[in-house]
N, C-alpha and C. Protein backbone atom coordinates (compact mmCIF):
# COMPACT_ATOMS: atom_id res chain seq x y z
N MET A 1 -7.11 2.91 -11.00
CA MET A 1 -6.98 4.20 -11.62
C MET A 1 -5.52 4.41 -12.00
N LYS A 2 -5.31 4.72 -13.26
CA LYS A 2 -3.96 5.01 -13.74
C LYS A 2 -3.83 6.50 -13.96
N ILE A 3 -2.74 7.06 -13.43
CA ILE A 3 -2.50 8.49 -13.53
C ILE A 3 -1.13 8.70 -14.16
N ASP A 4 -1.08 9.52 -15.19
CA ASP A 4 0.18 9.84 -15.85
C ASP A 4 1.10 10.56 -14.87
N PHE A 5 2.28 10.02 -14.68
CA PHE A 5 3.25 10.58 -13.73
C PHE A 5 3.54 12.04 -14.02
N ARG A 6 3.64 12.41 -15.28
CA ARG A 6 3.98 13.78 -15.67
C ARG A 6 2.88 14.78 -15.37
N ARG A 7 1.64 14.31 -15.20
CA ARG A 7 0.51 15.21 -14.96
C ARG A 7 0.31 15.53 -13.47
N ILE A 8 1.09 14.88 -12.61
CA ILE A 8 0.95 15.11 -11.18
C ILE A 8 1.75 16.35 -10.80
N ASN A 9 1.07 17.31 -10.16
CA ASN A 9 1.75 18.54 -9.76
C ASN A 9 1.59 18.76 -8.25
N ARG A 10 1.77 19.96 -7.79
CA ARG A 10 1.71 20.25 -6.35
C ARG A 10 0.30 20.26 -5.78
N LEU A 11 -0.71 20.28 -6.65
CA LEU A 11 -2.09 20.18 -6.18
C LEU A 11 -2.43 18.70 -6.01
N PRO A 12 -2.91 18.30 -4.83
CA PRO A 12 -3.21 16.89 -4.59
C PRO A 12 -4.25 16.34 -5.57
N ILE A 13 -3.97 15.16 -6.09
CA ILE A 13 -4.91 14.46 -6.95
C ILE A 13 -5.50 13.32 -6.13
N PRO A 14 -6.80 13.39 -5.82
CA PRO A 14 -7.41 12.32 -5.02
C PRO A 14 -7.61 11.06 -5.86
N PHE A 15 -7.53 9.91 -5.20
CA PHE A 15 -7.80 8.65 -5.87
C PHE A 15 -8.53 7.72 -4.92
N ASN A 16 -9.17 6.73 -5.51
CA ASN A 16 -9.89 5.72 -4.76
C ASN A 16 -9.79 4.42 -5.55
N ALA A 17 -9.39 3.35 -4.90
CA ALA A 17 -9.33 2.04 -5.53
C ALA A 17 -9.85 1.03 -4.52
N ASN A 18 -10.31 -0.11 -5.03
CA ASN A 18 -10.72 -1.16 -4.10
C ASN A 18 -10.42 -2.53 -4.69
N SER A 19 -10.31 -3.47 -3.79
CA SER A 19 -10.06 -4.86 -4.15
C SER A 19 -10.81 -5.72 -3.13
N GLY A 20 -11.88 -6.36 -3.57
CA GLY A 20 -12.69 -7.13 -2.64
C GLY A 20 -13.30 -6.20 -1.60
N ASP A 21 -13.05 -6.48 -0.34
CA ASP A 21 -13.56 -5.66 0.75
C ASP A 21 -12.57 -4.60 1.24
N ILE A 22 -11.50 -4.39 0.51
CA ILE A 22 -10.47 -3.43 0.90
C ILE A 22 -10.61 -2.15 0.07
N GLU A 23 -10.68 -1.02 0.76
CA GLU A 23 -10.73 0.30 0.12
C GLU A 23 -9.36 0.96 0.27
N PHE A 24 -8.98 1.74 -0.73
CA PHE A 24 -7.70 2.44 -0.76
C PHE A 24 -7.99 3.86 -1.23
N GLN A 25 -7.86 4.83 -0.32
CA GLN A 25 -8.17 6.22 -0.64
C GLN A 25 -7.01 7.12 -0.25
N GLY A 26 -6.74 8.10 -1.09
CA GLY A 26 -5.66 9.01 -0.75
C GLY A 26 -5.44 10.07 -1.81
N ASN A 27 -4.22 10.63 -1.77
CA ASN A 27 -3.84 11.71 -2.67
C ASN A 27 -2.44 11.46 -3.22
N LEU A 28 -2.23 11.95 -4.43
CA LEU A 28 -0.90 11.98 -5.04
C LEU A 28 -0.56 13.43 -5.32
N LYS A 29 0.67 13.83 -5.01
CA LYS A 29 1.09 15.18 -5.37
C LYS A 29 2.60 15.19 -5.56
N TYR A 30 3.06 16.13 -6.40
CA TYR A 30 4.49 16.28 -6.64
C TYR A 30 5.17 16.71 -5.35
N ASP A 31 6.28 16.07 -5.02
CA ASP A 31 7.01 16.40 -3.80
C ASP A 31 8.21 17.27 -4.15
N ASN A 32 9.28 16.68 -4.55
CA ASN A 32 10.47 17.38 -5.04
C ASN A 32 11.42 16.34 -5.59
N ASP A 33 12.50 16.77 -6.17
CA ASP A 33 13.51 15.85 -6.68
C ASP A 33 12.94 14.86 -7.70
N GLY A 34 11.85 15.26 -8.41
CA GLY A 34 11.24 14.39 -9.40
C GLY A 34 10.40 13.28 -8.82
N LEU A 35 10.01 13.41 -7.56
CA LEU A 35 9.25 12.36 -6.87
C LEU A 35 7.80 12.78 -6.65
N VAL A 36 6.92 11.79 -6.55
CA VAL A 36 5.52 12.00 -6.22
C VAL A 36 5.27 11.41 -4.84
N HIS A 37 4.56 12.14 -4.01
CA HIS A 37 4.23 11.70 -2.65
C HIS A 37 2.85 11.06 -2.65
N LEU A 38 2.77 9.81 -2.19
CA LEU A 38 1.50 9.13 -2.04
C LEU A 38 1.17 9.10 -0.56
N SER A 39 0.00 9.60 -0.21
CA SER A 39 -0.49 9.58 1.17
C SER A 39 -1.90 8.99 1.11
N ALA A 40 -2.11 7.85 1.78
CA ALA A 40 -3.38 7.16 1.64
C ALA A 40 -3.72 6.35 2.89
N VAL A 41 -4.95 5.86 2.90
CA VAL A 41 -5.43 4.96 3.95
C VAL A 41 -6.01 3.74 3.25
N MET A 42 -5.69 2.58 3.80
CA MET A 42 -6.23 1.33 3.30
C MET A 42 -7.03 0.71 4.44
N PHE A 43 -8.29 0.36 4.17
CA PHE A 43 -9.12 -0.18 5.25
C PHE A 43 -10.12 -1.19 4.70
N GLY A 44 -10.58 -2.07 5.58
CA GLY A 44 -11.56 -3.07 5.21
C GLY A 44 -11.27 -4.39 5.89
N GLU A 45 -11.83 -5.46 5.34
CA GLU A 45 -11.66 -6.81 5.88
C GLU A 45 -10.92 -7.67 4.87
N LEU A 46 -9.98 -8.47 5.36
CA LEU A 46 -9.17 -9.33 4.52
C LEU A 46 -9.17 -10.73 5.12
N ASP A 47 -9.42 -11.74 4.30
CA ASP A 47 -9.36 -13.12 4.77
C ASP A 47 -7.92 -13.60 4.73
N LEU A 48 -7.45 -14.09 5.88
CA LEU A 48 -6.08 -14.58 6.01
C LEU A 48 -6.08 -16.02 6.52
N ILE A 49 -4.94 -16.67 6.44
CA ILE A 49 -4.75 -18.01 6.96
C ILE A 49 -3.84 -17.92 8.19
N CYS A 50 -4.28 -18.56 9.29
CA CYS A 50 -3.47 -18.59 10.51
C CYS A 50 -2.21 -19.40 10.24
N ASP A 51 -1.05 -18.85 10.60
CA ASP A 51 0.22 -19.54 10.37
C ASP A 51 0.46 -20.67 11.37
N LEU A 52 -0.32 -20.74 12.43
CA LEU A 52 -0.16 -21.82 13.41
C LEU A 52 -1.08 -23.00 13.16
N CYS A 53 -2.39 -22.74 12.99
CA CYS A 53 -3.35 -23.85 12.86
C CYS A 53 -3.88 -24.03 11.44
N GLY A 54 -3.66 -23.07 10.56
CA GLY A 54 -4.10 -23.20 9.17
C GLY A 54 -5.54 -22.81 8.91
N SER A 55 -6.24 -22.32 9.93
CA SER A 55 -7.64 -21.93 9.72
C SER A 55 -7.72 -20.53 9.11
N GLU A 56 -8.80 -20.30 8.37
CA GLU A 56 -9.03 -18.99 7.76
C GLU A 56 -9.73 -18.09 8.77
N PHE A 57 -9.34 -16.82 8.80
CA PHE A 57 -9.98 -15.86 9.68
C PHE A 57 -10.01 -14.50 9.01
N SER A 58 -10.91 -13.66 9.50
CA SER A 58 -11.06 -12.32 8.95
C SER A 58 -10.17 -11.35 9.74
N TYR A 59 -9.44 -10.53 9.02
CA TYR A 59 -8.51 -9.57 9.61
C TYR A 59 -8.96 -8.17 9.23
N THR A 60 -9.08 -7.30 10.22
CA THR A 60 -9.46 -5.92 9.96
C THR A 60 -8.23 -5.11 9.59
N VAL A 61 -8.26 -4.51 8.42
CA VAL A 61 -7.15 -3.71 7.91
C VAL A 61 -7.48 -2.24 8.09
N LYS A 62 -6.56 -1.51 8.69
CA LYS A 62 -6.61 -0.05 8.76
C LYS A 62 -5.17 0.43 8.79
N GLU A 63 -4.64 0.71 7.64
CA GLU A 63 -3.24 1.06 7.48
C GLU A 63 -3.10 2.43 6.82
N GLU A 64 -2.20 3.22 7.34
CA GLU A 64 -1.83 4.46 6.67
C GLU A 64 -0.64 4.16 5.77
N ILE A 65 -0.74 4.58 4.52
CA ILE A 65 0.30 4.34 3.53
C ILE A 65 0.90 5.69 3.17
N ASP A 66 2.21 5.77 3.24
CA ASP A 66 2.89 7.05 2.99
C ASP A 66 4.28 6.76 2.43
N PHE A 67 4.47 7.04 1.14
CA PHE A 67 5.79 6.86 0.55
C PHE A 67 5.93 7.73 -0.69
N LEU A 68 7.13 7.74 -1.24
CA LEU A 68 7.44 8.51 -2.44
C LEU A 68 7.53 7.57 -3.64
N ILE A 69 7.20 8.09 -4.81
CA ILE A 69 7.22 7.30 -6.04
C ILE A 69 8.13 7.98 -7.05
N SER A 70 8.96 7.17 -7.69
CA SER A 70 9.86 7.65 -8.73
C SER A 70 9.47 7.03 -10.06
N ASP A 71 9.55 7.80 -11.12
CA ASP A 71 9.32 7.26 -12.46
C ASP A 71 10.65 6.74 -12.98
N GLY A 72 10.91 5.48 -12.78
CA GLY A 72 12.17 4.87 -13.17
C GLY A 72 13.10 4.73 -11.98
N VAL A 73 14.35 4.46 -12.26
CA VAL A 73 15.34 4.25 -11.22
C VAL A 73 15.59 5.55 -10.47
N TYR A 74 15.56 5.47 -9.14
CA TYR A 74 15.77 6.65 -8.31
C TYR A 74 17.23 6.73 -7.91
N THR A 75 17.87 7.80 -8.31
CA THR A 75 19.27 8.03 -7.92
C THR A 75 19.36 9.43 -7.34
N SER A 76 19.67 9.49 -6.05
CA SER A 76 19.77 10.77 -5.38
C SER A 76 20.78 10.67 -4.26
N GLN A 77 21.26 11.80 -3.84
CA GLN A 77 22.20 11.86 -2.74
C GLN A 77 21.49 11.87 -1.38
N ASN A 78 20.16 11.96 -1.39
CA ASN A 78 19.41 12.08 -0.13
C ASN A 78 19.30 10.77 0.64
N ASN A 79 19.61 9.64 0.01
CA ASN A 79 19.51 8.32 0.65
C ASN A 79 18.12 8.06 1.23
N ASN A 80 17.09 8.53 0.56
CA ASN A 80 15.72 8.29 0.98
C ASN A 80 15.36 6.86 0.62
N LEU A 81 15.03 6.03 1.63
CA LEU A 81 14.76 4.62 1.39
C LEU A 81 13.30 4.32 1.13
N ASP A 82 12.40 5.26 1.35
CA ASP A 82 10.97 5.04 1.15
C ASP A 82 10.53 5.50 -0.23
N VAL A 83 11.24 5.05 -1.26
CA VAL A 83 10.91 5.41 -2.63
C VAL A 83 10.58 4.14 -3.41
N VAL A 84 9.40 4.14 -4.02
CA VAL A 84 8.97 3.03 -4.88
C VAL A 84 9.28 3.43 -6.31
N GLU A 85 10.00 2.57 -7.01
CA GLU A 85 10.38 2.86 -8.39
C GLU A 85 9.38 2.21 -9.34
N LEU A 86 8.76 3.04 -10.18
CA LEU A 86 7.81 2.56 -11.18
C LEU A 86 8.41 2.72 -12.57
N ASN A 87 7.94 1.90 -13.48
CA ASN A 87 8.35 2.01 -14.88
C ASN A 87 7.11 2.23 -15.73
N GLY A 88 7.26 2.94 -16.80
CA GLY A 88 6.16 3.12 -17.75
C GLY A 88 5.47 4.46 -17.66
N GLY A 89 5.84 5.30 -16.71
CA GLY A 89 5.29 6.65 -16.65
C GLY A 89 3.89 6.76 -16.09
N MET A 90 3.31 5.66 -15.59
CA MET A 90 1.96 5.69 -15.04
C MET A 90 1.97 5.21 -13.59
N VAL A 91 1.22 5.92 -12.74
CA VAL A 91 1.00 5.49 -11.36
C VAL A 91 -0.32 4.73 -11.37
N ASP A 92 -0.26 3.43 -11.10
CA ASP A 92 -1.45 2.57 -11.10
C ASP A 92 -1.84 2.30 -9.65
N THR A 93 -2.87 3.00 -9.17
CA THR A 93 -3.26 2.86 -7.76
C THR A 93 -3.80 1.47 -7.45
N GLU A 94 -4.42 0.81 -8.41
CA GLU A 94 -4.90 -0.55 -8.18
C GLU A 94 -3.74 -1.53 -8.02
N ASP A 95 -2.67 -1.32 -8.77
CA ASP A 95 -1.48 -2.15 -8.65
C ASP A 95 -0.80 -1.92 -7.29
N ILE A 96 -0.75 -0.67 -6.85
CA ILE A 96 -0.17 -0.35 -5.54
C ILE A 96 -1.00 -1.00 -4.45
N LEU A 97 -2.33 -0.93 -4.55
CA LEU A 97 -3.20 -1.57 -3.57
C LEU A 97 -2.95 -3.08 -3.54
N SER A 98 -2.87 -3.70 -4.68
CA SER A 98 -2.61 -5.14 -4.75
C SER A 98 -1.29 -5.50 -4.08
N SER A 99 -0.26 -4.69 -4.31
CA SER A 99 1.04 -4.93 -3.67
C SER A 99 0.96 -4.79 -2.16
N GLU A 100 0.23 -3.79 -1.68
CA GLU A 100 0.08 -3.59 -0.24
C GLU A 100 -0.68 -4.75 0.40
N ILE A 101 -1.70 -5.27 -0.28
CA ILE A 101 -2.44 -6.43 0.23
C ILE A 101 -1.52 -7.64 0.32
N GLU A 102 -0.70 -7.85 -0.70
CA GLU A 102 0.23 -8.99 -0.68
C GLU A 102 1.26 -8.85 0.44
N LEU A 103 1.68 -7.62 0.74
CA LEU A 103 2.60 -7.41 1.86
C LEU A 103 1.95 -7.83 3.18
N ILE A 104 0.68 -7.50 3.35
CA ILE A 104 -0.03 -7.91 4.57
C ILE A 104 -0.15 -9.43 4.63
N LYS A 105 -0.51 -10.04 3.51
CA LYS A 105 -0.67 -11.50 3.49
C LYS A 105 0.63 -12.24 3.77
N SER A 106 1.75 -11.66 3.38
CA SER A 106 3.03 -12.34 3.55
C SER A 106 3.56 -12.25 4.99
N ASP A 107 2.92 -11.44 5.81
CA ASP A 107 3.33 -11.30 7.20
C ASP A 107 2.89 -12.52 8.00
N TYR A 108 3.34 -12.64 9.24
CA TYR A 108 2.98 -13.74 10.14
C TYR A 108 1.67 -13.40 10.83
N HIS A 109 0.68 -14.30 10.75
CA HIS A 109 -0.64 -14.03 11.32
C HIS A 109 -1.10 -15.18 12.20
N LYS A 110 -1.77 -14.83 13.30
CA LYS A 110 -2.37 -15.82 14.20
C LYS A 110 -3.85 -15.49 14.36
N CYS A 111 -4.69 -16.53 14.30
CA CYS A 111 -6.11 -16.33 14.51
C CYS A 111 -6.38 -16.06 16.00
N GLY A 112 -7.60 -15.68 16.32
CA GLY A 112 -7.97 -15.37 17.70
C GLY A 112 -7.77 -16.55 18.63
N ASN A 113 -8.09 -17.78 18.19
CA ASN A 113 -7.91 -18.97 19.04
C ASN A 113 -6.45 -19.20 19.38
N CYS A 114 -5.58 -19.09 18.40
CA CYS A 114 -4.15 -19.33 18.64
C CYS A 114 -3.55 -18.23 19.52
N GLN A 115 -4.01 -16.99 19.35
CA GLN A 115 -3.54 -15.92 20.22
C GLN A 115 -3.96 -16.17 21.66
N HIS A 116 -5.21 -16.63 21.83
CA HIS A 116 -5.72 -16.91 23.18
C HIS A 116 -4.98 -18.09 23.80
N ASN A 117 -4.76 -19.17 23.03
CA ASN A 117 -4.05 -20.35 23.55
C ASN A 117 -2.60 -20.04 23.90
N GLU A 118 -1.99 -19.12 23.16
CA GLU A 118 -0.60 -18.75 23.42
C GLU A 118 -0.45 -17.99 24.73
N ARG A 119 -1.49 -17.23 25.09
CA ARG A 119 -1.45 -16.46 26.35
C ARG A 119 -1.63 -17.35 27.57
N ASN A 120 -2.32 -18.46 27.41
CA ASN A 120 -2.60 -19.35 28.57
C ASN A 120 -1.54 -20.37 28.78
């Protein structure tokens, strides 16, 4: 779902996006300082590769996503570090979901067997 940045106001705009077995639901609303606040939940199942043994396993995702979005380069005196800079004037929730999935995939993951073997 693409939403024009300029059309987002103080009334929350609900959105829903999905990718495979991952759902992404939340709201967008104008915050202040020209920023939009995204508050969402991402949940579902994601297939990952164990970084120790290389086997594929299913990972349950349940993440709360909460950050600010700027249309273009964000320059402010507030030093707010949780600002995502977008270009083009559109908030693309499917693109944000894809980026969040890639962040999870890039993390270090261990399957259940490797976690169990590490404890013993």
